[in-house]
Amino acid sequence: APYGTVIEAWYPLGHGDKGLLEEPVFVALAEKYGKTPAQVILRWHVQMGTSIIPGSKNPAHIADNANIFDFSLTEDEMAEIAKLDGTMTYYTATEEALAGYLAMRPDFDAQE
């Protein structure tokens, strides 16, 4: 934070993992706010100050992913979601993967 660095959520929706989207806390909050569990998850990330870029090719999902700014989670709800921290892992950085990221060099001059 002192350097203006923002955390980015990789796979904020767990690649659409059914278990994550059916997590009882997300289902209950989705019902309370008239949203989907995915929207609750994305809203939690936004309120945490996390940068999120959820991917989808489905136009309805893309619209839903952007429709998260008309409600806010309470502090208690944020804390309840935070209790899930570490219960599921969707990405584990390996030395090989990290080396691959460091080796990426897009050729920006070749792009039109």
N, C-alpha and C. Protein backbone atom coordinates (compact mmCIF):
# COMPACT_ATOMS: atom_id res chain seq x y z
N ALA A 1 0.80 -1.20 0.00
CA ALA A 1 0.00 0.00 0.00
C ALA A 1 0.85 1.27 0.00
N PRO A 2 1.93 1.33 0.78
CA PRO A 2 2.70 2.58 0.78
C PRO A 2 3.29 2.91 -0.59
N TYR A 3 3.41 1.92 -1.46
CA TYR A 3 4.00 2.14 -2.78
C TYR A 3 2.96 2.20 -3.89
N GLY A 4 1.67 2.17 -3.51
CA GLY A 4 0.61 2.24 -4.50
C GLY A 4 0.37 0.94 -5.25
N THR A 5 0.87 -0.14 -4.70
CA THR A 5 0.70 -1.45 -5.33
C THR A 5 -0.67 -2.02 -4.98
N VAL A 6 -1.33 -2.55 -5.98
CA VAL A 6 -2.65 -3.15 -5.78
C VAL A 6 -2.55 -4.64 -6.10
N ILE A 7 -3.16 -5.45 -5.27
CA ILE A 7 -3.19 -6.89 -5.50
C ILE A 7 -4.21 -7.20 -6.58
N GLU A 8 -3.85 -8.12 -7.49
CA GLU A 8 -4.78 -8.57 -8.52
C GLU A 8 -5.24 -9.98 -8.16
N ALA A 9 -6.54 -10.20 -8.25
CA ALA A 9 -7.10 -11.52 -7.98
C ALA A 9 -6.99 -12.37 -9.25
N TRP A 10 -6.22 -13.43 -9.16
CA TRP A 10 -6.17 -14.38 -10.26
C TRP A 10 -7.28 -15.38 -10.03
N TYR A 11 -8.08 -15.61 -11.03
CA TYR A 11 -9.20 -16.54 -10.94
C TYR A 11 -10.14 -16.17 -9.80
N PRO A 12 -10.66 -14.93 -9.78
CA PRO A 12 -11.51 -14.53 -8.66
C PRO A 12 -12.77 -15.37 -8.52
N LEU A 13 -13.14 -16.06 -9.60
CA LEU A 13 -14.32 -16.92 -9.54
C LEU A 13 -13.93 -18.40 -9.63
N GLY A 14 -12.65 -18.68 -9.40
CA GLY A 14 -12.20 -20.07 -9.36
C GLY A 14 -12.48 -20.83 -10.64
N HIS A 15 -12.34 -20.18 -11.78
CA HIS A 15 -12.66 -20.79 -13.07
C HIS A 15 -14.10 -21.27 -13.12
N GLY A 16 -15.00 -20.59 -12.42
CA GLY A 16 -16.40 -20.99 -12.41
C GLY A 16 -16.65 -22.25 -11.58
N ASP A 17 -15.76 -22.51 -10.63
CA ASP A 17 -15.88 -23.71 -9.78
C ASP A 17 -17.24 -23.76 -9.10
N LYS A 18 -17.97 -24.83 -9.36
CA LYS A 18 -19.32 -24.97 -8.81
C LYS A 18 -19.30 -24.96 -7.28
N GLY A 19 -18.29 -25.58 -6.67
CA GLY A 19 -18.21 -25.60 -5.21
C GLY A 19 -18.06 -24.21 -4.63
N LEU A 20 -17.27 -23.37 -5.28
CA LEU A 20 -17.09 -21.99 -4.82
C LEU A 20 -18.39 -21.21 -4.97
N LEU A 21 -19.01 -21.35 -6.13
CA LEU A 21 -20.24 -20.61 -6.40
C LEU A 21 -21.42 -21.10 -5.56
N GLU A 22 -21.32 -22.31 -5.02
CA GLU A 22 -22.38 -22.84 -4.16
C GLU A 22 -22.02 -22.73 -2.67
N GLU A 23 -20.91 -22.06 -2.36
CA GLU A 23 -20.52 -21.85 -0.96
C GLU A 23 -21.68 -21.17 -0.25
N PRO A 24 -22.15 -21.73 0.87
CA PRO A 24 -23.35 -21.20 1.53
C PRO A 24 -23.32 -19.70 1.83
N VAL A 25 -22.19 -19.16 2.22
CA VAL A 25 -22.15 -17.72 2.53
C VAL A 25 -22.43 -16.89 1.27
N PHE A 26 -21.92 -17.32 0.11
CA PHE A 26 -22.16 -16.58 -1.13
C PHE A 26 -23.61 -16.73 -1.59
N VAL A 27 -24.16 -17.93 -1.42
CA VAL A 27 -25.55 -18.16 -1.81
C VAL A 27 -26.49 -17.31 -0.96
N ALA A 28 -26.26 -17.29 0.36
CA ALA A 28 -27.13 -16.51 1.26
C ALA A 28 -27.04 -15.02 0.95
N LEU A 29 -25.83 -14.53 0.72
CA LEU A 29 -25.68 -13.10 0.43
C LEU A 29 -26.26 -12.76 -0.94
N ALA A 30 -26.13 -13.66 -1.89
CA ALA A 30 -26.72 -13.43 -3.21
C ALA A 30 -28.23 -13.31 -3.10
N GLU A 31 -28.84 -14.17 -2.31
CA GLU A 31 -30.29 -14.08 -2.11
C GLU A 31 -30.66 -12.77 -1.42
N LYS A 32 -29.89 -12.39 -0.41
CA LYS A 32 -30.17 -11.16 0.34
C LYS A 32 -30.14 -9.93 -0.58
N TYR A 33 -29.14 -9.87 -1.47
CA TYR A 33 -28.95 -8.68 -2.29
C TYR A 33 -29.56 -8.79 -3.68
N GLY A 34 -30.16 -9.93 -4.01
CA GLY A 34 -30.73 -10.10 -5.35
C GLY A 34 -29.66 -10.17 -6.41
N LYS A 35 -28.55 -10.80 -6.07
CA LYS A 35 -27.41 -10.93 -6.97
C LYS A 35 -27.07 -12.40 -7.14
N THR A 36 -26.06 -12.69 -7.93
CA THR A 36 -25.57 -14.06 -8.06
C THR A 36 -24.41 -14.25 -7.09
N PRO A 37 -24.09 -15.50 -6.74
CA PRO A 37 -22.91 -15.72 -5.91
C PRO A 37 -21.64 -15.13 -6.54
N ALA A 38 -21.53 -15.22 -7.85
CA ALA A 38 -20.36 -14.64 -8.52
C ALA A 38 -20.27 -13.14 -8.28
N GLN A 39 -21.40 -12.45 -8.35
CA GLN A 39 -21.41 -11.01 -8.11
C GLN A 39 -21.01 -10.68 -6.68
N VAL A 40 -21.43 -11.49 -5.72
CA VAL A 40 -21.04 -11.28 -4.32
C VAL A 40 -19.53 -11.45 -4.18
N ILE A 41 -18.98 -12.47 -4.81
CA ILE A 41 -17.53 -12.71 -4.74
C ILE A 41 -16.77 -11.52 -5.32
N LEU A 42 -17.21 -11.06 -6.49
CA LEU A 42 -16.53 -9.93 -7.12
C LEU A 42 -16.67 -8.66 -6.30
N ARG A 43 -17.84 -8.46 -5.70
CA ARG A 43 -18.04 -7.28 -4.84
C ARG A 43 -17.11 -7.34 -3.64
N TRP A 44 -16.94 -8.51 -3.05
CA TRP A 44 -16.03 -8.68 -1.91
C TRP A 44 -14.62 -8.25 -2.31
N HIS A 45 -14.18 -8.71 -3.48
CA HIS A 45 -12.83 -8.33 -3.95
C HIS A 45 -12.71 -6.82 -4.10
N VAL A 46 -13.71 -6.20 -4.71
CA VAL A 46 -13.68 -4.74 -4.92
C VAL A 46 -13.61 -4.02 -3.58
N GLN A 47 -14.43 -4.43 -2.64
CA GLN A 47 -14.42 -3.78 -1.33
C GLN A 47 -13.11 -4.02 -0.59
N MET A 48 -12.42 -5.11 -0.89
CA MET A 48 -11.11 -5.37 -0.29
C MET A 48 -10.02 -4.53 -0.94
N GLY A 49 -10.35 -3.89 -2.06
CA GLY A 49 -9.36 -3.09 -2.78
C GLY A 49 -8.54 -3.90 -3.76
N THR A 50 -9.01 -5.08 -4.07
CA THR A 50 -8.31 -5.97 -5.00
C THR A 50 -8.71 -5.64 -6.43
N SER A 51 -7.76 -5.67 -7.33
CA SER A 51 -8.04 -5.50 -8.75
C SER A 51 -8.56 -6.83 -9.29
N ILE A 52 -9.68 -6.79 -9.98
CA ILE A 52 -10.25 -8.02 -10.53
C ILE A 52 -10.49 -7.85 -12.02
N ILE A 53 -10.20 -8.89 -12.76
CA ILE A 53 -10.48 -8.92 -14.19
C ILE A 53 -11.07 -10.29 -14.47
N PRO A 54 -12.37 -10.46 -14.16
CA PRO A 54 -12.98 -11.76 -14.42
C PRO A 54 -13.16 -11.97 -15.92
N GLY A 55 -12.81 -13.14 -16.38
CA GLY A 55 -12.92 -13.43 -17.80
C GLY A 55 -14.18 -14.20 -18.12
N SER A 56 -14.74 -13.91 -19.27
CA SER A 56 -15.89 -14.65 -19.75
C SER A 56 -16.08 -14.33 -21.22
N LYS A 57 -16.60 -15.31 -21.95
CA LYS A 57 -16.98 -15.09 -23.34
C LYS A 57 -18.50 -14.96 -23.45
N ASN A 58 -19.19 -15.18 -22.35
CA ASN A 58 -20.64 -15.14 -22.30
C ASN A 58 -21.10 -13.70 -22.04
N PRO A 59 -21.80 -13.07 -23.00
CA PRO A 59 -22.21 -11.68 -22.82
C PRO A 59 -23.03 -11.44 -21.54
N ALA A 60 -23.87 -12.38 -21.16
CA ALA A 60 -24.67 -12.21 -19.93
C ALA A 60 -23.78 -12.22 -18.70
N HIS A 61 -22.78 -13.09 -18.69
CA HIS A 61 -21.84 -13.13 -17.55
C HIS A 61 -21.00 -11.86 -17.49
N ILE A 62 -20.59 -11.37 -18.64
CA ILE A 62 -19.81 -10.13 -18.68
C ILE A 62 -20.63 -8.99 -18.09
N ALA A 63 -21.90 -8.90 -18.48
CA ALA A 63 -22.77 -7.86 -17.94
C ALA A 63 -22.96 -8.03 -16.44
N ASP A 64 -23.18 -9.27 -15.99
CA ASP A 64 -23.33 -9.53 -14.56
C ASP A 64 -22.07 -9.15 -13.79
N ASN A 65 -20.91 -9.47 -14.36
CA ASN A 65 -19.65 -9.17 -13.68
C ASN A 65 -19.46 -7.67 -13.46
N ALA A 66 -20.03 -6.87 -14.32
CA ALA A 66 -19.91 -5.41 -14.18
C ALA A 66 -21.00 -4.82 -13.28
N ASN A 67 -22.03 -5.58 -13.02
CA ASN A 67 -23.18 -5.09 -12.26
C ASN A 67 -23.02 -5.40 -10.77
N ILE A 68 -21.97 -4.84 -10.17
CA ILE A 68 -21.68 -5.12 -8.76
C ILE A 68 -21.53 -3.84 -7.93
N PHE A 69 -21.93 -2.72 -8.49
CA PHE A 69 -21.69 -1.46 -7.81
C PHE A 69 -22.95 -0.83 -7.22
N ASP A 70 -24.04 -1.59 -7.19
CA ASP A 70 -25.29 -1.06 -6.63
C ASP A 70 -25.62 -1.67 -5.27
N PHE A 71 -24.62 -2.33 -4.66
CA PHE A 71 -24.79 -2.84 -3.30
C PHE A 71 -23.43 -2.90 -2.63
N SER A 72 -23.44 -2.94 -1.32
CA SER A 72 -22.20 -3.07 -0.54
C SER A 72 -22.40 -4.13 0.53
N LEU A 73 -21.35 -4.87 0.78
CA LEU A 73 -21.37 -5.86 1.85
C LEU A 73 -21.05 -5.16 3.16
N THR A 74 -21.67 -5.61 4.23
CA THR A 74 -21.40 -5.02 5.54
C THR A 74 -20.04 -5.51 6.05
N GLU A 75 -19.54 -4.88 7.09
CA GLU A 75 -18.28 -5.32 7.69
C GLU A 75 -18.38 -6.75 8.18
N ASP A 76 -19.52 -7.11 8.79
CA ASP A 76 -19.71 -8.48 9.27
C ASP A 76 -19.72 -9.48 8.12
N GLU A 77 -20.35 -9.10 7.01
CA GLU A 77 -20.38 -9.99 5.84
C GLU A 77 -18.99 -10.14 5.23
N MET A 78 -18.25 -9.04 5.18
CA MET A 78 -16.87 -9.10 4.69
C MET A 78 -16.03 -10.04 5.55
N ALA A 79 -16.21 -9.95 6.86
CA ALA A 79 -15.47 -10.79 7.80
C ALA A 79 -15.85 -12.26 7.64
N GLU A 80 -17.13 -12.51 7.42
CA GLU A 80 -17.60 -13.90 7.22
C GLU A 80 -16.96 -14.51 5.98
N ILE A 81 -16.89 -13.75 4.92
CA ILE A 81 -16.25 -14.24 3.69
C ILE A 81 -14.76 -14.44 3.91
N ALA A 82 -14.13 -13.54 4.63
CA ALA A 82 -12.69 -13.64 4.89
C ALA A 82 -12.33 -14.92 5.64
N LYS A 83 -13.27 -15.47 6.38
CA LYS A 83 -13.01 -16.72 7.10
C LYS A 83 -12.75 -17.88 6.15
N LEU A 84 -13.16 -17.74 4.90
CA LEU A 84 -12.93 -18.79 3.91
C LEU A 84 -11.49 -18.81 3.41
N ASP A 85 -10.70 -17.80 3.75
CA ASP A 85 -9.34 -17.67 3.26
C ASP A 85 -8.55 -18.96 3.49
N GLY A 86 -8.01 -19.47 2.41
CA GLY A 86 -7.17 -20.65 2.50
C GLY A 86 -7.91 -21.97 2.43
N THR A 87 -9.24 -21.93 2.33
CA THR A 87 -9.97 -23.19 2.28
C THR A 87 -9.96 -23.80 0.88
N MET A 88 -9.70 -22.99 -0.16
CA MET A 88 -9.61 -23.47 -1.53
C MET A 88 -8.48 -22.74 -2.22
N THR A 89 -7.70 -23.47 -3.01
CA THR A 89 -6.61 -22.87 -3.78
C THR A 89 -6.82 -23.18 -5.25
N TYR A 90 -6.77 -22.16 -6.08
CA TYR A 90 -6.98 -22.36 -7.51
C TYR A 90 -5.71 -22.15 -8.31
N TYR A 91 -4.70 -21.61 -7.69
CA TYR A 91 -3.45 -21.38 -8.40
C TYR A 91 -2.31 -21.50 -7.40
N THR A 92 -1.32 -22.29 -7.78
CA THR A 92 -0.12 -22.41 -6.97
C THR A 92 1.06 -22.07 -7.87
N ALA A 93 1.79 -21.05 -7.50
CA ALA A 93 2.95 -20.65 -8.29
C ALA A 93 4.07 -21.66 -8.10
N THR A 94 4.57 -22.17 -9.21
CA THR A 94 5.72 -23.06 -9.18
C THR A 94 6.93 -22.28 -9.67
N GLU A 95 8.12 -22.77 -9.37
CA GLU A 95 9.34 -22.11 -9.84
C GLU A 95 9.32 -22.04 -11.38
N GLU A 96 8.87 -23.12 -12.01
CA GLU A 96 8.81 -23.16 -13.47
C GLU A 96 7.85 -22.11 -14.01
N ALA A 97 6.66 -22.01 -13.41
CA ALA A 97 5.68 -21.02 -13.87
C ALA A 97 6.20 -19.60 -13.67
N LEU A 98 6.79 -19.33 -12.53
CA LEU A 98 7.32 -17.99 -12.27
C LEU A 98 8.43 -17.64 -13.25
N ALA A 99 9.30 -18.59 -13.55
CA ALA A 99 10.36 -18.35 -14.52
C ALA A 99 9.77 -18.06 -15.89
N GLY A 100 8.68 -18.76 -16.22
CA GLY A 100 8.01 -18.51 -17.50
C GLY A 100 7.44 -17.11 -17.58
N TYR A 101 6.85 -16.64 -16.49
CA TYR A 101 6.31 -15.27 -16.47
C TYR A 101 7.43 -14.25 -16.66
N LEU A 102 8.54 -14.49 -15.99
CA LEU A 102 9.66 -13.55 -16.10
C LEU A 102 10.24 -13.54 -17.51
N ALA A 103 10.12 -14.64 -18.22
CA ALA A 103 10.68 -14.74 -19.57
C ALA A 103 9.76 -14.14 -20.63
N MET A 104 8.53 -13.84 -20.27
CA MET A 104 7.60 -13.28 -21.26
C MET A 104 8.07 -11.90 -21.70
N ARG A 105 8.17 -11.74 -23.00
CA ARG A 105 8.57 -10.45 -23.56
C ARG A 105 7.70 -10.17 -24.78
N PRO A 106 6.54 -9.57 -24.59
CA PRO A 106 5.67 -9.27 -25.73
C PRO A 106 6.39 -8.35 -26.72
N ASP A 107 6.21 -8.62 -28.00
CA ASP A 107 6.79 -7.77 -29.04
C ASP A 107 5.77 -6.69 -29.38
N PHE A 108 5.80 -5.61 -28.62
CA PHE A 108 4.84 -4.54 -28.82
C PHE A 108 5.00 -3.85 -30.18
N ASP A 109 6.22 -3.82 -30.70
CA ASP A 109 6.46 -3.19 -31.99
C ASP A 109 5.80 -3.95 -33.13
N ALA A 110 5.59 -5.26 -32.95
CA ALA A 110 5.00 -6.08 -34.00
C ALA A 110 3.47 -5.99 -34.01
N GLN A 111 2.91 -5.40 -33.00
CA GLN A 111 1.45 -5.29 -32.93
C GLN A 111 0.97 -4.12 -33.77
N GLU A 112 -0.21 -4.30 -34.34
CA GLU A 112 -0.80 -3.23 -35.15
C GLU A 112 -1.76 -2.43 -34.35
